[in-house]
PDB file of N, CA and C in Angstrom:
ATOM      1  N   MET A   1       1.271  -1.037  -0.109  1.00  0.00           N
ATOM      2  CA  MET A   1      -0.715  -0.420  -0.222  1.00  0.00           C
ATOM      3  C   MET A   1       1.368   0.988   0.244  1.00  0.00           C
ATOM      4  N   ASN A   2       0.805   2.137  -0.866  1.00  0.00           N
ATOM      5  CA  ASN A   2       1.408   3.471  -0.788  1.00  0.00           C
ATOM      6  C   ASN A   2       0.487   4.426  -0.390  1.00  0.00           C
ATOM      7  N   LEU A   3       1.191   5.329   0.596  1.00  0.00           N
ATOM      8  CA  LEU A   3       0.268   5.693   1.293  1.00  0.00           C
ATOM      9  C   LEU A   3       1.148   7.548   1.119  1.00  0.00           C
ATOM     10  N   THR A   4       0.252   8.429   0.967  1.00  0.00           N
ATOM     11  CA  THR A   4       0.955   9.370   0.531  1.00  0.00           C
ATOM     12  C   THR A   4      -0.130  10.534   1.177  1.00  0.00           C
ATOM     13  N   ILE A   5       1.171  11.303   2.254  1.00  0.00           N
ATOM     14  CA  ILE A   5       0.141  12.013   3.306  1.00  0.00           C
ATOM     15  C   ILE A   5       1.073  13.491   3.285  1.00  0.00           C
ATOM     16  N   SER A   6      -0.375  14.551   2.677  1.00  0.00           N
ATOM     17  CA  SER A   6       0.454  15.649   2.274  1.00  0.00           C
ATOM     18  C   SER A   6      -0.438  17.024   3.105  1.00  0.00           C
ATOM     19  N   GLY A   7       0.607  18.116   2.893  1.00  0.00           N
ATOM     20  CA  GLY A   7      -0.333  19.160   3.740  1.00  0.00           C
ATOM     21  C   GLY A   7      -0.331  20.276   3.258  1.00  0.00           C
ATOM     22  N   HIS A   8      -1.359  21.153   3.333  1.00  0.00           N
ATOM     23  CA  HIS A   8      -1.040  22.156   2.245  1.00  0.00           C
ATOM     24  C   HIS A   8      -2.099  23.630   3.205  1.00  0.00           C
ATOM     25  N   HIS A   9      -1.342  24.101   3.216  1.00  0.00           N
ATOM     26  CA  HIS A   9      -1.463  25.523   4.251  1.00  0.00           C
ATOM     27  C   HIS A   9      -0.808  24.979   5.875  1.00  0.00           C
ATOM     28  N   LEU A  10       0.031  23.794   6.585  1.00  0.00           N
ATOM     29  CA  LEU A  10       0.940  23.828   7.551  1.00  0.00           C
ATOM     30  C   LEU A  10       1.331  22.008   7.475  1.00  0.00           C
ATOM     31  N   GLU A  11       1.882  21.893   8.176  1.00  0.00           N
ATOM     32  CA  GLU A  11       2.972  21.446   8.465  1.00  0.00           C
ATOM     33  C   GLU A  11       2.737  20.376   8.761  1.00  0.00           C
ATOM     34  N   VAL A  12       3.150  19.232   8.314  1.00  0.00           N
ATOM     35  CA  VAL A  12       2.573  17.455   8.668  1.00  0.00           C
ATOM     36  C   VAL A  12       3.488  17.042   9.484  1.00  0.00           C
ATOM     37  N   THR A  13       3.366  17.644  10.930  1.00  0.00           N
ATOM     38  CA  THR A  13       3.950  16.929  12.273  1.00  0.00           C
ATOM     39  C   THR A  13       4.875  15.777  11.212  1.00  0.00           C
ATOM     40  N   PRO A  14       5.153  14.395  12.859  1.00  0.00           N
ATOM     41  CA  PRO A  14       5.897  13.761  12.452  1.00  0.00           C
ATOM     42  C   PRO A  14       4.615  12.595  13.510  1.00  0.00           C
ATOM     43  N   SER A  15       3.829  13.244  14.314  1.00  0.00           N
ATOM     44  CA  SER A  15       3.083  13.171  15.495  1.00  0.00           C
ATOM     45  C   SER A  15       1.316  13.380  14.882  1.00  0.00           C
ATOM     46  N   LEU A  16       1.202  13.849  13.802  1.00  0.00           N
ATOM     47  CA  LEU A  16       0.513  13.943  13.364  1.00  0.00           C
ATOM     48  C   LEU A  16       0.078  13.061  12.002  1.00  0.00           C
ATOM     49  N   ARG A  17       1.270  12.662  11.115  1.00  0.00           N
ATOM     50  CA  ARG A  17       1.340  11.281  10.093  1.00  0.00           C
ATOM     51  C   ARG A  17       1.412  10.176  11.187  1.00  0.00           C
ATOM     52  N   SER A  18       2.126   9.803  12.691  1.00  0.00           N
ATOM     53  CA  SER A  18       1.839   8.794  12.761  1.00  0.00           C
ATOM     54  C   SER A  18       0.100   8.410  13.115  1.00  0.00           C
ATOM     55  N   TYR A  19      -0.471   9.418  13.510  1.00  0.00           N
ATOM     56  CA  TYR A  19      -1.735   9.527  14.049  1.00  0.00           C
ATOM     57  C   TYR A  19      -2.438   8.583  12.738  1.00  0.00           C
ATOM     58  N   VAL A  20      -2.521   9.296  12.095  1.00  0.00           N
ATOM     59  CA  VAL A  20      -3.305   9.223  10.373  1.00  0.00           C
ATOM     60  C   VAL A  20      -2.454   8.458  10.145  1.00  0.00           C
ATOM     61  N   THR A  21      -1.270   7.470  10.714  1.00  0.00           N
ATOM     62  CA  THR A  21      -1.400   5.691   9.313  1.00  0.00           C
ATOM     63  C   THR A  21      -1.941   4.810  10.471  1.00  0.00           C
ATOM     64  N   ASN A  22      -1.936   4.975  12.060  1.00  0.00           N
ATOM     65  CA  ASN A  22      -2.624   4.330  12.890  1.00  0.00           C
ATOM     66  C   ASN A  22      -4.285   4.587  12.438  1.00  0.00           C
ATOM     67  N   LYS A  23      -4.335   5.043  12.234  1.00  0.00           N
ATOM     68  CA  LYS A  23      -6.133   5.405  12.465  1.00  0.00           C
ATOM     69  C   LYS A  23      -6.226   4.509  10.651  1.00  0.00           C
ATOM     70  N   LEU A  24      -5.407   4.241   9.940  1.00  0.00           N
ATOM     71  CA  LEU A  24      -5.845   4.100   8.683  1.00  0.00           C
ATOM     72  C   LEU A  24      -5.333   2.548   8.064  1.00  0.00           C
ATOM     73  N   ASP A  25      -4.342   1.678   9.583  1.00  0.00           N
ATOM     74  CA  ASP A  25      -4.885   1.341   9.544  1.00  0.00           C
ATOM     75  C   ASP A  25      -5.694  -0.316   9.267  1.00  0.00           C
ATOM     76  N   ARG A  26      -6.422   0.599  10.136  1.00  0.00           N
ATOM     77  CA  ARG A  26      -8.082  -0.339  10.297  1.00  0.00           C
ATOM     78  C   ARG A  26      -8.508  -0.718   8.996  1.00  0.00           C
ATOM     79  N   ILE A  27      -8.211   0.239   8.118  1.00  0.00           N
ATOM     80  CA  ILE A  27      -9.291   0.078   6.645  1.00  0.00           C
ATOM     81  C   ILE A  27      -8.093  -1.072   6.421  1.00  0.00           C
ATOM     82  N   THR A  28      -7.209  -0.710   6.333  1.00  0.00           N
ATOM     83  CA  THR A  28      -6.558  -2.624   5.772  1.00  0.00           C
ATOM     84  C   THR A  28      -6.626  -2.946   6.597  1.00  0.00           C
ATOM     85  N   ARG A  29      -7.566  -3.472   7.471  1.00  0.00           N
ATOM     86  CA  ARG A  29      -7.791  -4.430   8.788  1.00  0.00           C
ATOM     87  C   ARG A  29      -9.557  -5.268   8.528  1.00  0.00           C
ATOM     88  N   HIS A  30      -9.763  -3.819   6.832  1.00  0.00           N
ATOM     89  CA  HIS A  30     -10.854  -4.604   6.786  1.00  0.00           C
ATOM     90  C   HIS A  30     -11.074  -5.302   5.495  1.00  0.00           C
ATOM     91  N   PHE A  31      -9.982  -4.298   4.451  1.00  0.00           N
ATOM     92  CA  PHE A  31     -10.158  -5.296   2.855  1.00  0.00           C
ATOM     93  C   PHE A  31      -8.708  -5.131   3.009  1.00  0.00           C
ATOM     94  N   ASP A  32      -7.905  -5.970   2.933  1.00  0.00           N
ATOM     95  CA  ASP A  32      -6.599  -5.584   2.241  1.00  0.00           C
ATOM     96  C   ASP A  32      -6.228  -5.574   0.938  1.00  0.00           C
ATOM     97  N   GLN A  33      -7.228  -5.852  -0.290  1.00  0.00           N
ATOM     98  CA  GLN A  33      -6.421  -4.919  -0.942  1.00  0.00           C
ATOM     99  C   GLN A  33      -6.812  -3.602  -1.647  1.00  0.00           C
ATOM    100  N   VAL A  34      -6.021  -2.934  -0.900  1.00  0.00           N
ATOM    101  CA  VAL A  34      -5.783  -1.706  -0.823  1.00  0.00           C
ATOM    102  C   VAL A  34      -4.548  -1.019  -2.270  1.00  0.00           C
ATOM    103  N   VAL A  35      -4.434  -0.627  -3.046  1.00  0.00           N
ATOM    104  CA  VAL A  35      -3.805  -0.313  -3.616  1.00  0.00           C
ATOM    105  C   VAL A  35      -2.814   0.750  -3.397  1.00  0.00           C
ATOM    106  N   ASP A  36      -3.645   1.902  -3.156  1.00  0.00           N
ATOM    107  CA  ASP A  36      -2.547   3.676  -2.908  1.00  0.00           C
ATOM    108  C   ASP A  36      -3.334   4.048  -1.831  1.00  0.00           C
ATOM    109  N   VAL A  37      -3.549   5.144  -1.277  1.00  0.00           N
ATOM    110  CA  VAL A  37      -3.922   6.071  -0.621  1.00  0.00           C
ATOM    111  C   VAL A  37      -3.573   7.317  -0.256  1.00  0.00           C
ATOM    112  N   LYS A  38      -4.248   8.645  -0.506  1.00  0.00           N
ATOM    113  CA  LYS A  38      -3.857  10.007  -0.758  1.00  0.00           C
ATOM    114  C   LYS A  38      -4.684  10.642  -0.403  1.00  0.00           C
ATOM    115  N   VAL A  39      -3.501  10.933   1.490  1.00  0.00           N
ATOM    116  CA  VAL A  39      -4.368  12.148   1.943  1.00  0.00           C
ATOM    117  C   VAL A  39      -4.025  13.564   2.169  1.00  0.00           C
ATOM    118  N   LEU A  40      -4.957  14.389   2.076  1.00  0.00           N
ATOM    119  CA  LEU A  40      -4.079  15.973   1.987  1.00  0.00           C
ATOM    120  C   LEU A  40      -5.081  16.614   3.466  1.00  0.00           C
ATOM    121  N   LEU A  41      -4.333  17.061   3.711  1.00  0.00           N
ATOM    122  CA  LEU A  41      -4.742  17.652   5.222  1.00  0.00           C
ATOM    123  C   LEU A  41      -4.436  18.978   5.372  1.00  0.00           C
ATOM    124  N   THR A  42      -5.306  19.432   5.464  1.00  0.00           N
ATOM    125  CA  THR A  42      -6.163  21.164   4.838  1.00  0.00           C
ATOM    126  C   THR A  42      -6.575  22.032   5.930  1.00  0.00           C
ATOM    127  N   VAL A  43      -5.525  23.743   6.625  1.00  0.00           N
ATOM    128  CA  VAL A  43      -6.198  24.539   6.893  1.00  0.00           C
ATOM    129  C   VAL A  43      -6.755  25.633   6.079  1.00  0.00           C
ATOM    130  N   GLU A  44      -8.147  25.587   6.280  1.00  0.00           N
ATOM    131  CA  GLU A  44      -8.691  26.824   5.172  1.00  0.00           C
ATOM    132  C   GLU A  44      -8.392  28.221   5.956  1.00  0.00           C
ATOM    133  N   LYS A  45      -8.326  28.921   5.588  1.00  0.00           N
ATOM    134  CA  LYS A  45      -8.158  30.950   5.926  1.00  0.00           C
ATOM    135  C   LYS A  45      -9.666  31.820   5.598  1.00  0.00           C
ATOM    136  N   GLN A  46     -10.650  30.740   7.015  1.00  0.00           N
ATOM    137  CA  GLN A  46     -11.966  32.044   7.087  1.00  0.00           C
ATOM    138  C   GLN A  46     -11.939  31.859   8.209  1.00  0.00           C
ATOM    139  N   LYS A  47     -12.995  33.271   7.963  1.00  0.00           N
ATOM    140  CA  LYS A  47     -12.716  34.246   9.433  1.00  0.00           C
ATOM    141  C   LYS A  47     -13.645  33.654  10.621  1.00  0.00           C
ATOM    142  N   GLU A  48     -14.059  33.020  10.519  1.00  0.00           N
ATOM    143  CA  GLU A  48     -14.963  31.740  11.258  1.00  0.00           C
ATOM    144  C   GLU A  48     -13.997  30.050  11.752  1.00  0.00           C
ATOM    145  N   LYS A  49     -14.230  30.461  12.475  1.00  0.00           N
ATOM    146  CA  LYS A  49     -12.598  29.529  13.521  1.00  0.00           C
ATOM    147  C   LYS A  49     -14.171  27.734  13.322  1.00  0.00           C
ATOM    148  N   ASP A  50     -15.077  27.634  13.088  1.00  0.00           N
ATOM    149  CA  ASP A  50     -16.225  26.310  12.551  1.00  0.00           C
ATOM    150  C   ASP A  50     -15.961  25.895  11.128  1.00  0.00           C
ATOM    151  N   ARG A  51     -15.315  24.391  11.262  1.00  0.00           N
ATOM    152  CA  ARG A  51     -15.244  23.781  10.871  1.00  0.00           C
ATOM    153  C   ARG A  51     -13.746  24.926   9.527  1.00  0.00           C
ATOM    154  N   ARG A  52     -12.414  25.603  10.182  1.00  0.00           N
ATOM    155  CA  ARG A  52     -11.028  25.001   9.602  1.00  0.00           C
ATOM    156  C   ARG A  52     -10.463  24.082   9.166  1.00  0.00           C
ATOM    157  N   GLN A  53     -10.463  23.497   9.680  1.00  0.00           N
ATOM    158  CA  GLN A  53      -9.543  22.412   9.690  1.00  0.00           C
ATOM    159  C   GLN A  53     -10.168  21.064   8.770  1.00  0.00           C
ATOM    160  N   ARG A  54      -9.553  20.555   7.560  1.00  0.00           N
ATOM    161  CA  ARG A  54      -9.956  19.552   6.303  1.00  0.00           C
ATOM    162  C   ARG A  54      -9.483  18.143   6.281  1.00  0.00           C
ATOM    163  N   ALA A  55      -9.968  17.192   6.234  1.00  0.00           N
ATOM    164  CA  ALA A  55      -9.158  16.476   5.995  1.00  0.00           C
ATOM    165  C   ALA A  55      -9.937  16.071   4.464  1.00  0.00           C
ATOM    166  N   GLU A  56      -9.363  15.018   4.016  1.00  0.00           N
ATOM    167  CA  GLU A  56      -9.690  14.563   2.795  1.00  0.00           C
ATOM    168  C   GLU A  56      -8.903  13.679   2.497  1.00  0.00           C
ATOM    169  N   CYS A  57      -9.570  12.334   1.670  1.00  0.00           N
ATOM    170  CA  CYS A  57      -8.410  11.654   1.277  1.00  0.00           C
ATOM    171  C   CYS A  57      -9.379  10.343  -0.593  1.00  0.00           C
ATOM    172  N   ASN A  58      -8.430  10.330  -1.434  1.00  0.00           N
ATOM    173  CA  ASN A  58      -8.733   9.742  -2.211  1.00  0.00           C
ATOM    174  C   ASN A  58      -7.759   7.662  -1.946  1.00  0.00           C
ATOM    175  N   ILE A  59      -8.538   6.690  -2.146  1.00  0.00           N
ATOM    176  CA  ILE A  59      -8.546   5.578  -2.080  1.00  0.00           C
ATOM    177  C   ILE A  59      -8.557   4.840  -3.204  1.00  0.00           C
ATOM    178  N   HIS A  60      -7.478   4.016  -3.746  1.00  0.00           N
ATOM    179  CA  HIS A  60      -7.447   3.497  -5.192  1.00  0.00           C
ATOM    180  C   HIS A  60      -7.828   1.538  -4.760  1.00  0.00           C
ATOM    181  N   VAL A  61      -8.555   0.872  -4.468  1.00  0.00           N
ATOM    182  CA  VAL A  61      -8.554  -0.114  -3.799  1.00  0.00           C
ATOM    183  C   VAL A  61      -8.377  -0.791  -5.548  1.00  0.00           C
ATOM    184  N   LYS A  62      -8.844  -2.106  -5.511  1.00  0.00           N
ATOM    185  CA  LYS A  62      -8.682  -2.955  -6.353  1.00  0.00           C
ATOM    186  C   LYS A  62     -10.135  -2.921  -7.450  1.00  0.00           C
ATOM    187  N   GLY A  63     -11.139  -2.935  -8.037  1.00  0.00           N
ATOM    188  CA  GLY A  63     -12.140  -1.877  -8.642  1.00  0.00           C
ATOM    189  C   GLY A  63     -12.481  -0.724  -9.200  1.00  0.00           C
ATOM    190  N   SER A  64     -12.610   0.064  -8.244  1.00  0.00           N
ATOM    191  CA  SER A  64     -12.621   1.440  -7.961  1.00  0.00           C
ATOM    192  C   SER A  64     -11.839   2.775  -7.278  1.00  0.00           C
ATOM    193  N   ASP A  65     -12.143   3.992  -6.705  1.00  0.00           N
ATOM    194  CA  ASP A  65     -11.528   4.726  -5.917  1.00  0.00           C
ATOM    195  C   ASP A  65     -12.285   5.236  -5.055  1.00  0.00           C
ATOM    196  N   LEU A  66     -12.073   5.460  -3.612  1.00  0.00           N
ATOM    197  CA  LEU A  66     -13.396   5.968  -2.512  1.00  0.00           C
ATOM    198  C   LEU A  66     -12.253   7.196  -2.237  1.00  0.00           C
ATOM    199  N   PHE A  67     -13.771   7.974  -2.530  1.00  0.00           N
ATOM    200  CA  PHE A  67     -13.391   9.338  -1.868  1.00  0.00           C
ATOM    201  C   PHE A  67     -14.149   9.706  -0.411  1.00  0.00           C
ATOM    202  N   ALA A  68     -13.879  10.770  -0.157  1.00  0.00           N
ATOM    203  CA  ALA A  68     -14.285  11.262   1.229  1.00  0.00           C
ATOM    204  C   ALA A  68     -14.342  12.506   2.171  1.00  0.00           C
ATOM    205  N   GLU A  69     -14.348  13.212   2.241  1.00  0.00           N
ATOM    206  CA  GLU A  69     -13.695  14.385   3.310  1.00  0.00           C
ATOM    207  C   GLU A  69     -14.728  14.722   4.582  1.00  0.00           C
ATOM    208  N   SER A  70     -13.380  15.805   4.937  1.00  0.00           N
ATOM    209  CA  SER A  70     -14.214  15.819   6.858  1.00  0.00           C
ATOM    210  C   SER A  70     -13.680  16.570   7.038  1.00  0.00           C
ATOM    211  N   SER A  71     -14.370  17.567   7.820  1.00  0.00           N
ATOM    212  CA  SER A  71     -13.904  19.207   7.733  1.00  0.00           C
ATOM    213  C   SER A  71     -14.720  18.904   9.709  1.00  0.00           C
ATOM    214  N   HIS A  72     -13.202  19.657  10.769  1.00  0.00           N
ATOM    215  CA  HIS A  72     -13.914  20.222  11.289  1.00  0.00           C
ATOM    216  C   HIS A  72     -13.224  21.016  12.558  1.00  0.00           C
ATOM    217  N   GLU A  73     -13.630  21.210  13.868  1.00  0.00           N
ATOM    218  CA  GLU A  73     -12.265  22.806  14.081  1.00  0.00           C
ATOM    219  C   GLU A  73     -11.214  21.946  14.953  1.00  0.00           C
ATOM    220  N   ASP A  74     -10.922  21.346  15.433  1.00  0.00           N
ATOM    221  CA  ASP A  74     -10.429  20.096  16.052  1.00  0.00           C
ATOM    222  C   ASP A  74      -9.474  19.527  13.911  1.00  0.00           C
ATOM    223  N   LEU A  75      -8.652  19.539  14.312  1.00  0.00           N
ATOM    224  CA  LEU A  75      -7.405  18.339  12.910  1.00  0.00           C
ATOM    225  C   LEU A  75      -7.827  16.724  13.241  1.00  0.00           C
ATOM    226  N   TYR A  76      -7.597  16.292  14.186  1.00  0.00           N
ATOM    227  CA  TYR A  76      -7.273  15.301  14.887  1.00  0.00           C
ATOM    228  C   TYR A  76      -9.021  14.418  15.252  1.00  0.00           C
ATOM    229  N   ALA A  77      -9.636  15.104  15.317  1.00  0.00           N
ATOM    230  CA  ALA A  77     -11.498  15.298  14.853  1.00  0.00           C
ATOM    231  C   ALA A  77     -11.930  15.173  13.474  1.00  0.00           C
ATOM    232  N   ALA A  78     -11.057  16.012  12.373  1.00  0.00           N
ATOM    233  CA  ALA A  78     -11.417  16.191  10.972  1.00  0.00           C
ATOM    234  C   ALA A  78     -11.043  14.559  10.514  1.00  0.00           C
ATOM    235  N   VAL A  79     -10.341  14.290  11.197  1.00  0.00           N
ATOM    236  CA  VAL A  79      -8.927  12.920  10.455  1.00  0.00           C
ATOM    237  C   VAL A  79     -10.298  11.254  10.865  1.00  0.00           C
ATOM    238  N   ASP A  80     -10.441  11.697  12.647  1.00  0.00           N
ATOM    239  CA  ASP A  80     -11.389  10.517  12.756  1.00  0.00           C
ATOM    240  C   ASP A  80     -12.610  10.674  11.977  1.00  0.00           C
ATOM    241  N   GLU A  81     -13.363  11.562  11.996  1.00  0.00           N
ATOM    242  CA  GLU A  81     -14.715  11.307  11.133  1.00  0.00           C
ATOM    243  C   GLU A  81     -14.208  10.853   9.781  1.00  0.00           C
ATOM    244  N   LEU A  82     -13.394  11.388   9.272  1.00  0.00           N
ATOM    245  CA  LEU A  82     -12.589  10.999   7.728  1.00  0.00           C
ATOM    246  C   LEU A  82     -12.359   9.188   7.836  1.00  0.00           C
ATOM    247  N   VAL A  83     -11.754   8.672   9.004  1.00  0.00           N
ATOM    248  CA  VAL A  83     -11.321   7.512   8.689  1.00  0.00           C
ATOM    249  C   VAL A  83     -12.845   6.458   8.830  1.00  0.00           C
ATOM    250  N   ASP A  84     -13.500   7.158   9.654  1.00  0.00           N
ATOM    251  CA  ASP A  84     -15.096   6.537   9.835  1.00  0.00           C
ATOM    252  C   ASP A  84     -16.107   6.510   8.702  1.00  0.00           C
ATOM    253  N   LYS A  85     -15.777   7.516   7.174  1.00  0.00           N
ATOM    254  CA  LYS A  85     -15.850   7.758   6.325  1.00  0.00           C
ATOM    255  C   LYS A  85     -15.979   6.713   5.595  1.00  0.00           C
ATOM    256  N   LEU A  86     -14.551   6.394   6.029  1.00  0.00           N
ATOM    257  CA  LEU A  86     -13.661   5.798   4.613  1.00  0.00           C
ATOM    258  C   LEU A  86     -14.110   4.749   5.236  1.00  0.00           C
ATOM    259  N   ASP A  87     -13.863   4.156   6.349  1.00  0.00           N
ATOM    260  CA  ASP A  87     -14.455   2.574   6.850  1.00  0.00           C
ATOM    261  C   ASP A  87     -15.682   2.074   6.436  1.00  0.00           C
ATOM    262  N   ARG A  88     -16.791   3.352   6.714  1.00  0.00           N
ATOM    263  CA  ARG A  88     -17.687   2.016   6.156  1.00  0.00           C
ATOM    264  C   ARG A  88     -18.396   2.532   4.716  1.00  0.00           C
ATOM    265  N   LYS A  89     -17.336   3.027   3.913  1.00  0.00           N
ATOM    266  CA  LYS A  89     -17.155   3.285   1.988  1.00  0.00           C
ATOM    267  C   LYS A  89     -16.698   2.217   1.824  1.00  0.00           C
ATOM    268  N   VAL A  90     -15.319   1.385   2.592  1.00  0.00           N
ATOM    269  CA  VAL A  90     -14.899   0.057   1.583  1.00  0.00           C
ATOM    270  C   VAL A  90     -15.759  -1.436   2.371  1.00  0.00           C
ATOM    271  N   VAL A  91     -16.444  -0.816   4.147  1.00  0.00           N
ATOM    272  CA  VAL A  91     -16.987  -2.496   4.309  1.00  0.00           C
ATOM    273  C   VAL A  91     -17.740  -2.986   3.018  1.00  0.00           C
ATOM    274  N   ARG A  92     -18.717  -1.719   2.518  1.00  0.00           N
ATOM    275  CA  ARG A  92     -19.547  -1.720   1.694  1.00  0.00           C
ATOM    276  C   ARG A  92     -19.401  -2.017   0.334  1.00  0.00           C
ATOM    277  N   HIS A  93     -18.351  -1.492  -0.389  1.00  0.00           N
ATOM    278  CA  HIS A  93     -17.252  -2.093  -1.435  1.00  0.00           C
ATOM    279  C   HIS A  93     -17.082  -2.985  -1.593  1.00  0.00           C
ATOM    280  N   LYS A  94     -16.203  -3.640  -0.157  1.00  0.00           N
ATOM    281  CA  LYS A  94     -16.048  -4.813  -0.566  1.00  0.00           C
ATOM    282  C   LYS A  94     -17.781  -6.339  -0.632  1.00  0.00           C
ATOM    283  N   ASP A  95     -18.310  -5.280  -0.226  1.00  0.00           N
ATOM    284  CA  ASP A  95     -19.422  -5.815   0.530  1.00  0.00           C
ATOM    285  C   ASP A  95     -20.253  -6.719  -0.931  1.00  0.00           C
ATOM    286  N   ARG A  96     -20.341  -5.870  -1.896  1.00  0.00           N
ATOM    287  CA  ARG A  96     -20.763  -5.084  -3.348  1.00  0.00           C
ATOM    288  C   ARG A  96     -19.673  -6.439  -4.663  1.00  0.00           C
ATOM    289  N   LEU A  97     -17.955  -6.468  -3.873  1.00  0.00           N
ATOM    290  CA  LEU A  97     -17.834  -7.516  -3.884  1.00  0.00           C
ATOM    291  C   LEU A  97     -17.579  -8.971  -4.863  1.00  0.00           C
ATOM    292  N   GLN A  98     -18.504  -9.159  -3.058  1.00  0.00           N
ATOM    293  CA  GLN A  98     -18.585 -10.481  -3.225  1.00  0.00           C
ATOM    294  C   GLN A  98     -19.960 -11.258  -3.575  1.00  0.00           C
ATOM    295  N   ASP A  99     -19.822 -12.837  -4.222  1.00  0.00           N
ATOM    296  CA  ASP A  99     -21.124 -12.912  -4.778  1.00  0.00           C
ATOM    297  C   ASP A  99     -21.796 -13.479  -3.651  1.00  0.00           C
ATOM    298  N   HIS A 100     -23.063 -13.262  -3.784  1.00  0.00           N
ATOM    299  CA  HIS A 100     -23.993 -13.440  -2.828  1.00  0.00           C
ATOM    300  C   HIS A 100     -24.847 -14.442  -3.255  1.00  0.00           C
ATOM    301  N   HIS A 101     -25.239 -14.507  -4.404  1.00  0.00           N
ATOM    302  CA  HIS A 101     -25.554 -15.853  -4.849  1.00  0.00           C
ATOM    303  C   HIS A 101     -26.074 -16.691  -4.557  1.00  0.00           C
ATOM    304  N   HIS A 102     -26.690 -17.174  -3.932  1.00  0.00           N
ATOM    305  CA  HIS A 102     -26.076 -19.190  -3.940  1.00  0.00           C
ATOM    306  C   HIS A 102     -26.780 -20.060  -4.726  1.00  0.00           C
ATOM    307  N   GLN A 103     -25.966 -21.131  -5.200  1.00  0.00           N
ATOM    308  CA  GLN A 103     -27.288 -21.711  -6.043  1.00  0.00           C
ATOM    309  C   GLN A 103     -28.007 -22.751  -5.882  1.00  0.00           C
ATOM    310  N   ALA A 104     -28.914 -22.830  -7.048  1.00  0.00           N
ATOM    311  CA  ALA A 104     -29.854 -23.528  -6.359  1.00  0.00           C
ATOM    312  C   ALA A 104     -29.910 -24.857  -6.241  1.00  0.00           C
ATOM    313  N   PRO A 105     -30.411 -25.932  -5.225  1.00  0.00           N
ATOM    314  CA  PRO A 105     -30.259 -26.810  -4.716  1.00  0.00           C
ATOM    315  C   PRO A 105     -30.416 -28.166  -6.358  1.00  0.00           C
ATOM    316  N   LYS A 106     -30.026 -28.719  -5.950  1.00  0.00           N
ATOM    317  CA  LYS A 106     -30.729 -29.255  -6.921  1.00  0.00           C
ATOM    318  C   LYS A 106     -30.869 -30.528  -6.963  1.00  0.00           C
ATOM    319  N   ARG A 107     -32.232 -30.630  -7.629  1.00  0.00           N
ATOM    320  CA  ARG A 107     -33.874 -31.751  -6.944  1.00  0.00           C
ATOM    321  C   ARG A 107     -33.386 -33.030  -7.027  1.00  0.00           C
ATOM    322  N   LEU A 108     -33.897 -33.497  -6.183  1.00  0.00           N
ATOM    323  CA  LEU A 108     -33.413 -35.091  -5.907  1.00  0.00           C
ATOM    324  C   LEU A 108     -35.302 -35.334  -6.331  1.00  0.00           C
ATOM    325  N   MET A 109     -34.971 -36.135  -7.611  1.00  0.00           N
ATOM    326  CA  MET A 109     -36.019 -37.427  -8.267  1.00  0.00           C
ATOM    327  C   MET A 109     -35.717 -39.034  -8.666  1.00  0.00           C
TER     328      MET A 109
END
């Protein structure tokens, strides 16, 4: 899995990088066919303080690309919300890939 963590208007510290990496391990635990992960952490220049910290992520998995974004006052809380959204999307994608059709039972005659 290729992991790219970048920051826009902020410096990605080692503690922030390790926090994001530990959180993203939850996604690879549910679905092991993750090819590429790109995380962008942003501080938006807004007058109001609400939802100023933003985290967005593109995940390339076998079969498709998944995208999620989250905004919050705290960057760590935004990362938590982002990982929750991505986890739901990955589980749903994995469920779609599985074949849920059962073969019809053979008739005994």
